[in-house]
Protein backbone atom coordinates (compact mmCIF):
# COMPACT_ATOMS: atom_id res chain seq x y z
CA MET A 1 -4.24 80.18 -36.13
CA THR A 2 -7.14 78.36 -34.49
CA ASP A 3 -8.26 77.09 -37.90
CA ILE A 4 -4.85 75.54 -38.47
CA ILE A 5 -4.94 73.80 -35.09
CA ILE A 6 -8.44 72.47 -35.78
CA GLN A 7 -7.31 71.16 -39.17
CA ALA A 8 -4.26 69.52 -37.57
CA TYR A 9 -6.54 67.69 -35.13
CA GLN A 10 -8.77 66.61 -38.02
CA VAL A 11 -5.77 65.14 -39.84
CA LEU A 12 -4.69 63.40 -36.64
CA ASP A 13 -8.18 61.93 -36.21
CA GLU A 14 -8.09 60.71 -39.81
CA LEU A 15 -4.74 59.01 -39.19
CA ARG A 16 -6.13 57.36 -36.07
CA ARG A 17 -9.10 55.97 -38.01
CA ASP A 18 -6.83 54.50 -40.67
CA GLU A 19 -6.98 50.70 -40.92
CA LYS A 20 -3.21 50.35 -40.66
CA TYR A 21 -3.12 52.34 -37.41
CA GLN A 22 -6.01 50.39 -35.94
CA THR A 23 -4.27 47.11 -36.82
CA LEU A 24 -1.10 48.41 -35.16
CA LYS A 25 -3.01 49.02 -31.94
CA VAL A 26 -4.51 45.51 -32.03
CA LEU A 27 -1.12 43.91 -32.75
CA ASP A 28 0.47 45.88 -29.92
CA GLN A 29 -2.06 44.46 -27.47
CA GLN A 30 -1.69 40.93 -28.89
CA ILE A 31 2.09 41.03 -28.68
CA GLY A 32 1.92 42.19 -25.07
CA SER A 33 -0.42 39.38 -24.09
CA LEU A 34 1.09 36.59 -26.23
CA TYR A 35 4.78 37.18 -25.54
CA PRO A 36 5.28 38.67 -22.06
CA ILE A 37 8.18 36.34 -21.27
CA GLU A 38 10.03 37.20 -24.49
CA ILE A 39 9.42 40.93 -24.00
CA ASP A 40 10.64 40.77 -20.41
CA ALA A 41 13.77 38.83 -21.40
CA PHE A 42 14.52 41.34 -24.17
CA GLN A 43 14.01 44.33 -21.84
CA LYS A 44 16.29 42.82 -19.18
CA ALA A 45 19.00 42.02 -21.74
CA LYS A 46 18.71 45.54 -23.16
CA THR A 47 19.03 47.10 -19.70
CA ILE A 48 22.12 45.02 -18.90
CA TYR A 49 23.66 45.89 -22.27
CA GLU A 50 23.01 49.63 -21.78
CA ASP A 51 24.50 49.50 -18.27
CA ILE A 52 27.62 47.82 -19.64
CA LEU A 53 27.92 50.43 -22.38
CA ASN A 54 27.71 53.19 -19.78
CA THR A 55 30.25 51.64 -17.42
CA GLY A 56 32.95 50.34 -19.72
CA GLY A 57 31.69 49.95 -23.23
CA SER A 58 33.34 47.34 -25.39
CA TYR A 59 36.15 47.05 -22.82
CA HIS A 60 33.79 45.79 -20.11
CA PRO A 61 34.49 42.11 -19.25
CA ASP A 62 30.83 41.14 -19.76
CA TYR A 63 30.38 43.05 -23.03
CA LYS A 64 30.50 40.04 -25.36
CA GLU A 65 28.10 38.03 -23.22
CA ALA A 66 25.70 40.97 -22.92
CA ILE A 67 25.63 41.64 -26.65
CA LYS A 68 25.16 37.92 -27.35
CA LYS A 69 22.26 37.71 -24.89
CA LEU A 70 20.67 40.87 -26.33
CA SER A 71 20.95 39.52 -29.88
CA MET A 72 19.42 36.19 -28.92
CA THR A 73 16.48 37.68 -27.01
CA LYS A 74 15.84 40.21 -29.77
CA ALA A 75 15.87 37.51 -32.45
CA THR A 76 13.49 35.37 -30.40
CA LEU A 77 11.02 38.23 -30.02
CA TYR A 78 11.36 39.72 -33.49
CA GLU A 79 10.82 36.39 -35.30
CA LYS A 80 7.24 36.15 -33.99
CA PRO A 81 4.72 36.68 -36.84
CA GLU A 82 2.77 39.36 -34.97
CA VAL A 83 5.95 41.31 -34.26
CA LYS A 84 7.06 41.08 -37.88
CA ARG A 85 3.66 42.32 -39.05
CA TYR A 86 3.74 45.10 -36.44
CA PHE A 87 7.04 46.46 -37.74
CA GLU A 88 5.90 46.20 -41.37
CA LEU A 89 2.77 48.20 -40.58
CA GLU A 90 4.73 50.68 -38.48
CA ARG A 91 7.03 51.34 -41.45
CA GLU A 92 4.04 51.79 -43.78
CA VAL A 93 2.34 54.22 -41.39
CA GLN A 94 5.58 56.18 -41.03
CA GLU A 95 5.92 56.36 -44.82
CA ASP A 96 2.33 57.63 -45.08
CA ILE A 97 3.04 60.31 -42.46
CA ASN A 98 6.28 61.33 -44.20
CA GLU A 99 4.46 61.57 -47.53
CA PHE A 100 1.79 63.75 -45.93
CA LEU A 101 4.44 65.99 -44.33
CA ASN A 102 6.26 66.28 -47.64
CA GLU A 103 3.07 67.27 -49.48
CA LEU A 104 2.23 69.76 -46.72
CA ALA A 105 5.71 71.29 -46.84
CA GLN A 106 5.62 71.54 -50.64
CA SER A 107 2.23 73.25 -50.52
CA VAL A 108 3.71 75.90 -48.24
CA SER A 109 6.96 76.37 -50.15
CA SER A 110 9.40 74.28 -52.15
CA HIS A 111 12.10 75.52 -49.75
CA VAL A 112 10.58 73.99 -46.59
CA LYS A 113 12.49 70.93 -45.40
CA ALA A 114 10.47 67.72 -45.13
CA PRO A 115 11.37 64.07 -44.51
CA ASN A 116 11.98 61.81 -47.48
CA LYS A 117 10.72 58.22 -47.78
CA LEU A 118 13.31 57.11 -45.23
CA GLY A 119 12.22 59.78 -42.76
CA ILE A 120 15.43 61.78 -43.22
CA VAL A 121 15.28 65.55 -43.57
CA GLN A 122 17.78 66.57 -46.23
CA LYS A 123 20.28 69.31 -45.50
CA GLY A 124 20.10 72.56 -47.36
CA GLY A 125 17.20 74.69 -48.38
CA SER A 126 15.29 77.03 -46.18
CA CYS A 127 12.06 78.90 -46.12
CA HIS A 128 12.52 82.37 -47.58
CA VAL A 129 9.54 84.31 -46.37
CA ARG A 130 9.39 87.95 -47.39
């Protein structure tokens, strides 16, 4: 069991050394320092929207305004080139992890569930250990 844990940490260390992951960390810091106003506006709009959903949902009198404000602040933040690149890299890293998990699951048994390219674990199948 200890060998498996050691190998898991080695795989984790390898993922952390990956260029894509390192770039993600750099972009995360850049985004935080370059766009604090946009991030703050988005977070505030998101908080207001979630409060409205919890108190009245789509029937709340401020629902339309809250969703409009959230959409505008999100679009403003997400159109930044660093943010776009961040999400592209995040998707690529997630696909790499899902591929690794799929290969790992298949090496154990073809009946072990693993995420597909979209990160969704398909229903059905099970591990039949005897």
